[in-house]
PDB file of N, CA and C in Angstrom:
ATOM      1  N   MET A   1      25.248  -4.196   1.474  1.00  0.00           N
ATOM      2  CA  MET A   1      24.225  -4.788   0.828  1.00  0.00           C
ATOM      3  C   MET A   1      23.622  -5.876   0.999  1.00  0.00           C
ATOM      4  N   ALA A   2      22.776  -5.975   1.893  1.00  0.00           N
ATOM      5  CA  ALA A   2      22.536  -7.506   2.777  1.00  0.00           C
ATOM      6  C   ALA A   2      21.668  -8.557   1.743  1.00  0.00           C
ATOM      7  N   ALA A   3      21.933  -9.886   1.997  1.00  0.00           N
ATOM      8  CA  ALA A   3      21.318 -10.746   1.195  1.00  0.00           C
ATOM      9  C   ALA A   3      19.696 -10.640   0.964  1.00  0.00           C
ATOM     10  N   SER A   4      19.193 -10.282   1.994  1.00  0.00           N
ATOM     11  CA  SER A   4      17.577 -10.406   1.801  1.00  0.00           C
ATOM     12  C   SER A   4      17.220  -9.562   1.200  1.00  0.00           C
ATOM     13  N   LYS A   5      18.130  -8.508   0.854  1.00  0.00           N
ATOM     14  CA  LYS A   5      17.288  -7.278  -0.261  1.00  0.00           C
ATOM     15  C   LYS A   5      17.944  -7.437  -1.456  1.00  0.00           C
ATOM     16  N   LEU A   6      18.351  -8.601  -1.730  1.00  0.00           N
ATOM     17  CA  LEU A   6      18.835  -8.989  -3.181  1.00  0.00           C
ATOM     18  C   LEU A   6      17.432  -9.205  -3.992  1.00  0.00           C
ATOM     19  N   PRO A   7      16.791  -9.826  -3.643  1.00  0.00           N
ATOM     20  CA  PRO A   7      15.924 -10.327  -4.940  1.00  0.00           C
ATOM     21  C   PRO A   7      14.612  -9.105  -4.918  1.00  0.00           C
ATOM     22  N   TYR A   8      14.888  -7.940  -4.010  1.00  0.00           N
ATOM     23  CA  TYR A   8      14.021  -6.904  -4.457  1.00  0.00           C
ATOM     24  C   TYR A   8      14.861  -5.781  -5.160  1.00  0.00           C
ATOM     25  N   ALA A   9      16.050  -6.406  -5.955  1.00  0.00           N
ATOM     26  CA  ALA A   9      16.679  -5.210  -6.474  1.00  0.00           C
ATOM     27  C   ALA A   9      15.989  -4.971  -8.007  1.00  0.00           C
ATOM     28  N   ALA A  10      15.509  -5.954  -8.536  1.00  0.00           N
ATOM     29  CA  ALA A  10      14.508  -5.769  -9.291  1.00  0.00           C
ATOM     30  C   ALA A  10      13.673  -4.915  -9.817  1.00  0.00           C
ATOM     31  N   LEU A  11      13.266  -4.545  -8.388  1.00  0.00           N
ATOM     32  CA  LEU A  11      12.083  -3.983  -8.292  1.00  0.00           C
ATOM     33  C   LEU A  11      12.638  -2.479  -7.527  1.00  0.00           C
ATOM     34  N   SER A  12      11.673  -1.540  -9.022  1.00  0.00           N
ATOM     35  CA  SER A  12      12.011  -0.398  -8.340  1.00  0.00           C
ATOM     36  C   SER A  12      11.243   0.119  -7.027  1.00  0.00           C
ATOM     37  N   PHE A  13      11.316   1.082  -6.207  1.00  0.00           N
ATOM     38  CA  PHE A  13      10.765   1.125  -4.778  1.00  0.00           C
ATOM     39  C   PHE A  13       8.826   1.336  -5.109  1.00  0.00           C
ATOM     40  N   LYS A  14       8.442   1.954  -6.328  1.00  0.00           N
ATOM     41  CA  LYS A  14       6.993   2.181  -6.609  1.00  0.00           C
ATOM     42  C   LYS A  14       6.547   0.672  -6.916  1.00  0.00           C
ATOM     43  N   GLN A  15       7.094   0.126  -7.634  1.00  0.00           N
ATOM     44  CA  GLN A  15       6.837  -1.193  -8.149  1.00  0.00           C
ATOM     45  C   GLN A  15       6.306  -2.401  -6.982  1.00  0.00           C
ATOM     46  N   ARG A  16       7.815  -1.884  -5.815  1.00  0.00           N
ATOM     47  CA  ARG A  16       7.480  -2.673  -4.753  1.00  0.00           C
ATOM     48  C   ARG A  16       6.298  -2.558  -3.721  1.00  0.00           C
ATOM     49  N   GLN A  17       6.076  -1.153  -3.598  1.00  0.00           N
ATOM     50  CA  GLN A  17       5.030  -0.599  -2.857  1.00  0.00           C
ATOM     51  C   GLN A  17       3.610  -1.364  -3.344  1.00  0.00           C
ATOM     52  N   LYS A  18       3.652  -0.979  -5.020  1.00  0.00           N
ATOM     53  CA  LYS A  18       2.446  -1.241  -5.613  1.00  0.00           C
ATOM     54  C   LYS A  18       2.340  -3.297  -5.478  1.00  0.00           C
ATOM     55  N   VAL A  19       3.219  -4.148  -5.343  1.00  0.00           N
ATOM     56  CA  VAL A  19       3.416  -5.301  -5.687  1.00  0.00           C
ATOM     57  C   VAL A  19       2.817  -5.467  -3.988  1.00  0.00           C
ATOM     58  N   LEU A  20       3.354  -5.109  -3.022  1.00  0.00           N
ATOM     59  CA  LEU A  20       2.749  -5.366  -1.307  1.00  0.00           C
ATOM     60  C   LEU A  20       1.729  -4.921  -1.153  1.00  0.00           C
ATOM     61  N   GLY A  21       1.080  -3.665  -1.949  1.00  0.00           N
ATOM     62  CA  GLY A  21      -0.221  -3.512  -1.596  1.00  0.00           C
ATOM     63  C   GLY A  21      -0.943  -4.388  -2.235  1.00  0.00           C
ATOM     64  N   ILE A  22      -0.960  -4.906  -3.195  1.00  0.00           N
ATOM     65  CA  ILE A  22      -1.659  -6.090  -3.681  1.00  0.00           C
ATOM     66  C   ILE A  22      -2.052  -7.029  -2.778  1.00  0.00           C
ATOM     67  N   TYR A  23      -0.653  -7.501  -2.540  1.00  0.00           N
ATOM     68  CA  TYR A  23      -0.560  -8.379  -1.605  1.00  0.00           C
ATOM     69  C   TYR A  23      -1.168  -8.469  -0.563  1.00  0.00           C
ATOM     70  N   ARG A  24      -1.263  -7.375   0.346  1.00  0.00           N
ATOM     71  CA  ARG A  24      -2.131  -7.154   1.708  1.00  0.00           C
ATOM     72  C   ARG A  24      -3.797  -6.425   0.905  1.00  0.00           C
ATOM     73  N   ASN A  25      -4.113  -6.155   0.177  1.00  0.00           N
ATOM     74  CA  ASN A  25      -5.411  -6.328  -0.475  1.00  0.00           C
ATOM     75  C   ASN A  25      -6.029  -7.552  -0.840  1.00  0.00           C
ATOM     76  N   ILE A  26      -5.130  -8.344  -1.342  1.00  0.00           N
ATOM     77  CA  ILE A  26      -5.573  -9.928  -1.497  1.00  0.00           C
ATOM     78  C   ILE A  26      -5.893 -10.519  -0.054  1.00  0.00           C
ATOM     79  N   LEU A  27      -4.900 -10.670   0.977  1.00  0.00           N
ATOM     80  CA  LEU A  27      -5.012 -11.180   1.979  1.00  0.00           C
ATOM     81  C   LEU A  27      -6.367 -10.608   2.863  1.00  0.00           C
ATOM     82  N   ARG A  28      -6.170  -9.250   2.612  1.00  0.00           N
ATOM     83  CA  ARG A  28      -7.625  -8.704   3.448  1.00  0.00           C
ATOM     84  C   ARG A  28      -8.947  -9.383   2.546  1.00  0.00           C
ATOM     85  N   SER A  29      -9.225  -9.187   1.542  1.00  0.00           N
ATOM     86  CA  SER A  29     -10.167  -9.772   1.142  1.00  0.00           C
ATOM     87  C   SER A  29     -10.167 -11.162   1.413  1.00  0.00           C
ATOM     88  N   ILE A  30      -9.153 -12.228   1.664  1.00  0.00           N
ATOM     89  CA  ILE A  30      -9.200 -13.546   1.877  1.00  0.00           C
ATOM     90  C   ILE A  30      -9.801 -13.578   3.190  1.00  0.00           C
ATOM     91  N   ARG A  31      -9.531 -12.999   3.980  1.00  0.00           N
ATOM     92  CA  ARG A  31     -10.573 -12.645   5.381  1.00  0.00           C
ATOM     93  C   ARG A  31     -11.675 -12.930   5.714  1.00  0.00           C
ATOM     94  N   GLN A  32     -12.636 -12.160   4.488  1.00  0.00           N
ATOM     95  CA  GLN A  32     -14.002 -11.869   4.336  1.00  0.00           C
ATOM     96  C   GLN A  32     -14.505 -13.175   3.938  1.00  0.00           C
ATOM     97  N   VAL A  33     -13.649 -14.520   3.563  1.00  0.00           N
ATOM     98  CA  VAL A  33     -14.379 -15.312   3.250  1.00  0.00           C
ATOM     99  C   VAL A  33     -15.090 -16.206   4.285  1.00  0.00           C
ATOM    100  N   PRO A  34     -16.267 -16.867   4.124  1.00  0.00           N
ATOM    101  CA  PRO A  34     -16.829 -17.161   5.101  1.00  0.00           C
ATOM    102  C   PRO A  34     -16.471 -18.432   5.948  1.00  0.00           C
ATOM    103  N   ASP A  35     -15.914 -19.387   4.852  1.00  0.00           N
ATOM    104  CA  ASP A  35     -15.716 -20.546   4.962  1.00  0.00           C
ATOM    105  C   ASP A  35     -14.051 -20.786   5.562  1.00  0.00           C
ATOM    106  N   GLU A  36     -13.945 -21.104   6.444  1.00  0.00           N
ATOM    107  CA  GLU A  36     -12.571 -21.623   7.251  1.00  0.00           C
ATOM    108  C   GLU A  36     -11.353 -22.086   6.280  1.00  0.00           C
ATOM    109  N   ALA A  37     -11.822 -22.831   5.756  1.00  0.00           N
ATOM    110  CA  ALA A  37     -11.468 -24.261   4.490  1.00  0.00           C
ATOM    111  C   ALA A  37     -10.864 -23.732   3.573  1.00  0.00           C
ATOM    112  N   ASP A  38     -11.866 -22.814   3.067  1.00  0.00           N
ATOM    113  CA  ASP A  38     -11.621 -22.005   1.782  1.00  0.00           C
ATOM    114  C   ASP A  38     -10.671 -20.779   2.034  1.00  0.00           C
ATOM    115  N   ARG A  39     -10.573 -20.274   3.239  1.00  0.00           N
ATOM    116  CA  ARG A  39      -9.683 -18.748   3.733  1.00  0.00           C
ATOM    117  C   ARG A  39      -8.534 -19.603   3.737  1.00  0.00           C
ATOM    118  N   LYS A  40      -8.212 -20.484   4.197  1.00  0.00           N
ATOM    119  CA  LYS A  40      -6.788 -21.389   4.596  1.00  0.00           C
ATOM    120  C   LYS A  40      -6.690 -21.664   2.802  1.00  0.00           C
ATOM    121  N   TYR A  41      -6.993 -22.465   2.410  1.00  0.00           N
ATOM    122  CA  TYR A  41      -6.455 -22.318   1.045  1.00  0.00           C
ATOM    123  C   TYR A  41      -6.217 -21.176   0.197  1.00  0.00           C
ATOM    124  N   LEU A  42      -6.895 -20.087   0.120  1.00  0.00           N
ATOM    125  CA  LEU A  42      -6.772 -19.661  -0.675  1.00  0.00           C
ATOM    126  C   LEU A  42      -5.615 -18.287   0.017  1.00  0.00           C
ATOM    127  N   ARG A  43      -5.374 -18.213   1.294  1.00  0.00           N
ATOM    128  CA  ARG A  43      -4.292 -17.603   2.267  1.00  0.00           C
ATOM    129  C   ARG A  43      -2.943 -18.445   1.825  1.00  0.00           C
ATOM    130  N   ASP A  44      -3.101 -19.862   1.665  1.00  0.00           N
ATOM    131  CA  ASP A  44      -1.642 -20.433   1.409  1.00  0.00           C
ATOM    132  C   ASP A  44      -1.429 -20.570   0.096  1.00  0.00           C
ATOM    133  N   TRP A  45      -2.689 -20.471  -0.779  1.00  0.00           N
ATOM    134  CA  TRP A  45      -1.913 -20.138  -2.561  1.00  0.00           C
ATOM    135  C   TRP A  45      -1.880 -18.692  -2.707  1.00  0.00           C
ATOM    136  N   ALA A  46      -2.489 -17.624  -1.925  1.00  0.00           N
ATOM    137  CA  ALA A  46      -1.742 -16.156  -1.848  1.00  0.00           C
ATOM    138  C   ALA A  46      -0.310 -16.317  -1.617  1.00  0.00           C
ATOM    139  N   ARG A  47       0.374 -17.026  -0.876  1.00  0.00           N
ATOM    140  CA  ARG A  47       1.407 -16.779   0.169  1.00  0.00           C
ATOM    141  C   ARG A  47       2.134 -17.626  -0.722  1.00  0.00           C
ATOM    142  N   GLU A  48       1.913 -18.652  -1.324  1.00  0.00           N
ATOM    143  CA  GLU A  48       2.622 -19.299  -2.229  1.00  0.00           C
ATOM    144  C   GLU A  48       3.020 -18.535  -3.605  1.00  0.00           C
ATOM    145  N   GLU A  49       2.129 -18.394  -4.185  1.00  0.00           N
ATOM    146  CA  GLU A  49       2.236 -17.250  -5.140  1.00  0.00           C
ATOM    147  C   GLU A  49       3.345 -16.478  -5.373  1.00  0.00           C
ATOM    148  N   PHE A  50       3.358 -15.514  -4.259  1.00  0.00           N
ATOM    149  CA  PHE A  50       4.391 -14.296  -4.325  1.00  0.00           C
ATOM    150  C   PHE A  50       5.292 -14.630  -3.332  1.00  0.00           C
ATOM    151  N   LYS A  51       5.532 -15.899  -2.944  1.00  0.00           N
ATOM    152  CA  LYS A  51       6.714 -16.685  -2.346  1.00  0.00           C
ATOM    153  C   LYS A  51       7.858 -16.698  -3.588  1.00  0.00           C
ATOM    154  N   ARG A  52       6.591 -17.651  -4.542  1.00  0.00           N
ATOM    155  CA  ARG A  52       7.114 -18.372  -5.660  1.00  0.00           C
ATOM    156  C   ARG A  52       7.802 -17.553  -6.888  1.00  0.00           C
ATOM    157  N   ASN A  53       7.233 -16.256  -6.702  1.00  0.00           N
ATOM    158  CA  ASN A  53       7.657 -15.337  -7.736  1.00  0.00           C
ATOM    159  C   ASN A  53       8.470 -13.907  -7.154  1.00  0.00           C
ATOM    160  N   LYS A  54       8.821 -14.137  -6.138  1.00  0.00           N
ATOM    161  CA  LYS A  54       9.498 -12.837  -5.798  1.00  0.00           C
ATOM    162  C   LYS A  54      10.862 -12.687  -6.264  1.00  0.00           C
ATOM    163  N   MET A  55      11.501 -13.966  -6.568  1.00  0.00           N
ATOM    164  CA  MET A  55      12.721 -13.470  -7.280  1.00  0.00           C
ATOM    165  C   MET A  55      12.969 -13.351  -8.979  1.00  0.00           C
ATOM    166  N   ALA A  56      11.567 -13.050  -9.436  1.00  0.00           N
ATOM    167  CA  ALA A  56      11.770 -12.138 -10.738  1.00  0.00           C
ATOM    168  C   ALA A  56      12.180 -10.872 -11.027  1.00  0.00           C
ATOM    169  N   THR A  57      13.150 -11.213 -12.293  1.00  0.00           N
ATOM    170  CA  THR A  57      13.832  -9.824 -12.813  1.00  0.00           C
ATOM    171  C   THR A  57      13.443  -9.336 -13.616  1.00  0.00           C
ATOM    172  N   ASP A  58      12.729 -10.221 -14.538  1.00  0.00           N
ATOM    173  CA  ASP A  58      12.216  -9.917 -16.163  1.00  0.00           C
ATOM    174  C   ASP A  58      11.355  -8.995 -15.673  1.00  0.00           C
ATOM    175  N   GLN A  59      11.394  -7.570 -16.251  1.00  0.00           N
ATOM    176  CA  GLN A  59      10.474  -6.305 -15.976  1.00  0.00           C
ATOM    177  C   GLN A  59       8.985  -6.774 -16.349  1.00  0.00           C
ATOM    178  N   ASP A  60       8.984  -6.980 -17.671  1.00  0.00           N
ATOM    179  CA  ASP A  60       7.894  -7.503 -18.513  1.00  0.00           C
ATOM    180  C   ASP A  60       7.037  -8.609 -17.901  1.00  0.00           C
ATOM    181  N   ALA A  61       8.047  -9.765 -17.241  1.00  0.00           N
ATOM    182  CA  ALA A  61       6.962 -10.536 -16.375  1.00  0.00           C
ATOM    183  C   ALA A  61       6.342 -10.309 -15.206  1.00  0.00           C
ATOM    184  N   ILE A  62       7.387  -9.140 -14.504  1.00  0.00           N
ATOM    185  CA  ILE A  62       6.921  -8.551 -13.285  1.00  0.00           C
ATOM    186  C   ILE A  62       5.359  -7.880 -13.602  1.00  0.00           C
ATOM    187  N   ARG A  63       5.549  -7.363 -14.501  1.00  0.00           N
ATOM    188  CA  ARG A  63       4.467  -6.125 -15.213  1.00  0.00           C
ATOM    189  C   ARG A  63       3.201  -7.075 -15.445  1.00  0.00           C
ATOM    190  N   MET A  64       3.333  -7.839 -16.024  1.00  0.00           N
ATOM    191  CA  MET A  64       2.400  -9.642 -16.563  1.00  0.00           C
ATOM    192  C   MET A  64       1.704  -9.917 -14.781  1.00  0.00           C
ATOM    193  N   MET A  65       2.929 -10.367 -14.028  1.00  0.00           N
ATOM    194  CA  MET A  65       2.303 -10.879 -12.957  1.00  0.00           C
ATOM    195  C   MET A  65       1.881  -9.885 -11.501  1.00  0.00           C
ATOM    196  N   VAL A  66       1.965  -8.534 -11.824  1.00  0.00           N
ATOM    197  CA  VAL A  66       1.025  -7.444 -11.449  1.00  0.00           C
ATOM    198  C   VAL A  66       0.065  -7.545 -11.884  1.00  0.00           C
ATOM    199  N   THR A  67      -0.516  -7.417 -13.126  1.00  0.00           N
ATOM    200  CA  THR A  67      -1.452  -7.679 -13.377  1.00  0.00           C
ATOM    201  C   THR A  67      -2.685  -8.620 -13.371  1.00  0.00           C
ATOM    202  N   GLN A  68      -2.077  -9.863 -13.804  1.00  0.00           N
ATOM    203  CA  GLN A  68      -2.840 -11.155 -12.908  1.00  0.00           C
ATOM    204  C   GLN A  68      -3.499 -11.198 -11.747  1.00  0.00           C
ATOM    205  N   ALA A  69      -1.898 -10.280 -10.719  1.00  0.00           N
ATOM    206  CA  ALA A  69      -2.425 -10.388  -9.187  1.00  0.00           C
ATOM    207  C   ALA A  69      -4.015  -9.692  -9.017  1.00  0.00           C
ATOM    208  N   ASN A  70      -3.817  -8.069  -9.798  1.00  0.00           N
ATOM    209  CA  ASN A  70      -5.002  -7.294 -10.035  1.00  0.00           C
ATOM    210  C   ASN A  70      -6.475  -8.043 -10.272  1.00  0.00           C
ATOM    211  N   ASN A  71      -5.974  -8.646 -11.553  1.00  0.00           N
ATOM    212  CA  ASN A  71      -7.365  -9.698 -12.167  1.00  0.00           C
ATOM    213  C   ASN A  71      -7.534 -10.094 -10.761  1.00  0.00           C
ATOM    214  N   HIS A  72      -6.925 -11.339 -10.431  1.00  0.00           N
ATOM    215  CA  HIS A  72      -7.423 -11.935  -9.204  1.00  0.00           C
ATOM    216  C   HIS A  72      -8.020 -11.369  -7.775  1.00  0.00           C
ATOM    217  N   LEU A  73      -7.618 -10.038  -7.934  1.00  0.00           N
ATOM    218  CA  LEU A  73      -8.452  -9.452  -6.517  1.00  0.00           C
ATOM    219  C   LEU A  73      -9.528  -9.277  -6.996  1.00  0.00           C
ATOM    220  N   VAL A  74      -9.635  -8.214  -8.000  1.00  0.00           N
ATOM    221  CA  VAL A  74     -10.926  -8.236  -8.898  1.00  0.00           C
ATOM    222  C   VAL A  74     -12.311  -8.965  -8.419  1.00  0.00           C
ATOM    223  N   GLU A  75     -10.990 -10.171  -8.993  1.00  0.00           N
ATOM    224  CA  GLU A  75     -12.441 -11.324  -9.312  1.00  0.00           C
ATOM    225  C   GLU A  75     -12.947 -12.094  -7.781  1.00  0.00           C
ATOM    226  N   LEU A  76     -12.107 -12.134  -7.090  1.00  0.00           N
ATOM    227  CA  LEU A  76     -12.334 -12.031  -5.194  1.00  0.00           C
ATOM    228  C   LEU A  76     -13.229 -11.620  -4.828  1.00  0.00           C
ATOM    229  N   GLN A  77     -13.189 -10.194  -5.181  1.00  0.00           N
ATOM    230  CA  GLN A  77     -13.779  -9.152  -4.155  1.00  0.00           C
ATOM    231  C   GLN A  77     -14.937  -9.355  -4.932  1.00  0.00           C
ATOM    232  N   LYS A  78     -15.391  -9.299  -6.208  1.00  0.00           N
ATOM    233  CA  LYS A  78     -16.670  -9.853  -6.828  1.00  0.00           C
ATOM    234  C   LYS A  78     -17.544 -11.333  -6.800  1.00  0.00           C
ATOM    235  N   SER A  79     -16.799 -12.100  -6.052  1.00  0.00           N
ATOM    236  CA  SER A  79     -17.384 -13.253  -6.067  1.00  0.00           C
ATOM    237  C   SER A  79     -17.772 -13.063  -4.095  1.00  0.00           C
ATOM    238  N   LEU A  80     -17.143 -12.399  -3.502  1.00  0.00           N
ATOM    239  CA  LEU A  80     -17.698 -12.397  -2.197  1.00  0.00           C
ATOM    240  C   LEU A  80     -18.713 -11.065  -2.046  1.00  0.00           C
ATOM    241  N   ALA A  81     -18.873 -10.097  -3.137  1.00  0.00           N
ATOM    242  CA  ALA A  81     -19.671  -9.395  -3.456  1.00  0.00           C
ATOM    243  C   ALA A  81     -20.778 -10.178  -3.766  1.00  0.00           C
ATOM    244  N   LEU A  82     -21.199 -10.786  -4.718  1.00  0.00           N
ATOM    245  CA  LEU A  82     -22.193 -11.534  -5.054  1.00  0.00           C
ATOM    246  C   LEU A  82     -22.790 -13.037  -3.885  1.00  0.00           C
ATOM    247  N   ALA A  83     -21.467 -13.218  -3.331  1.00  0.00           N
ATOM    248  CA  ALA A  83     -21.957 -13.922  -1.966  1.00  0.00           C
ATOM    249  C   ALA A  83     -22.430 -13.523  -0.594  1.00  0.00           C
ATOM    250  N   LYS A  84     -22.491 -12.127  -0.687  1.00  0.00           N
ATOM    251  CA  LYS A  84     -23.304 -11.155   0.386  1.00  0.00           C
ATOM    252  C   LYS A  84     -24.324 -10.867  -0.138  1.00  0.00           C
ATOM    253  N   SER A  85     -24.593 -10.797  -1.524  1.00  0.00           N
ATOM    254  CA  SER A  85     -26.069 -10.807  -1.855  1.00  0.00           C
ATOM    255  C   SER A  85     -26.864 -11.312  -1.935  1.00  0.00           C
TER     256      SER A  85
END
């Protein structure tokens, strides 16, 4: 097993796919932010949060982080929808 694969051993295939999907959706939503400085700040924030937590192994903590990431995504999408209207 390659050393780069070790952090993902704590995640099942399904969990890993869910985390990557949330990450992609957050980055897609951030692309819709009109201000370049805000976009850069949010993109850096998202990357740092996911990078910081990639070594997590506690299943309860992982589930909590997935829920929290989903909540952030929903809030970002709501804010963008309000800004457009």
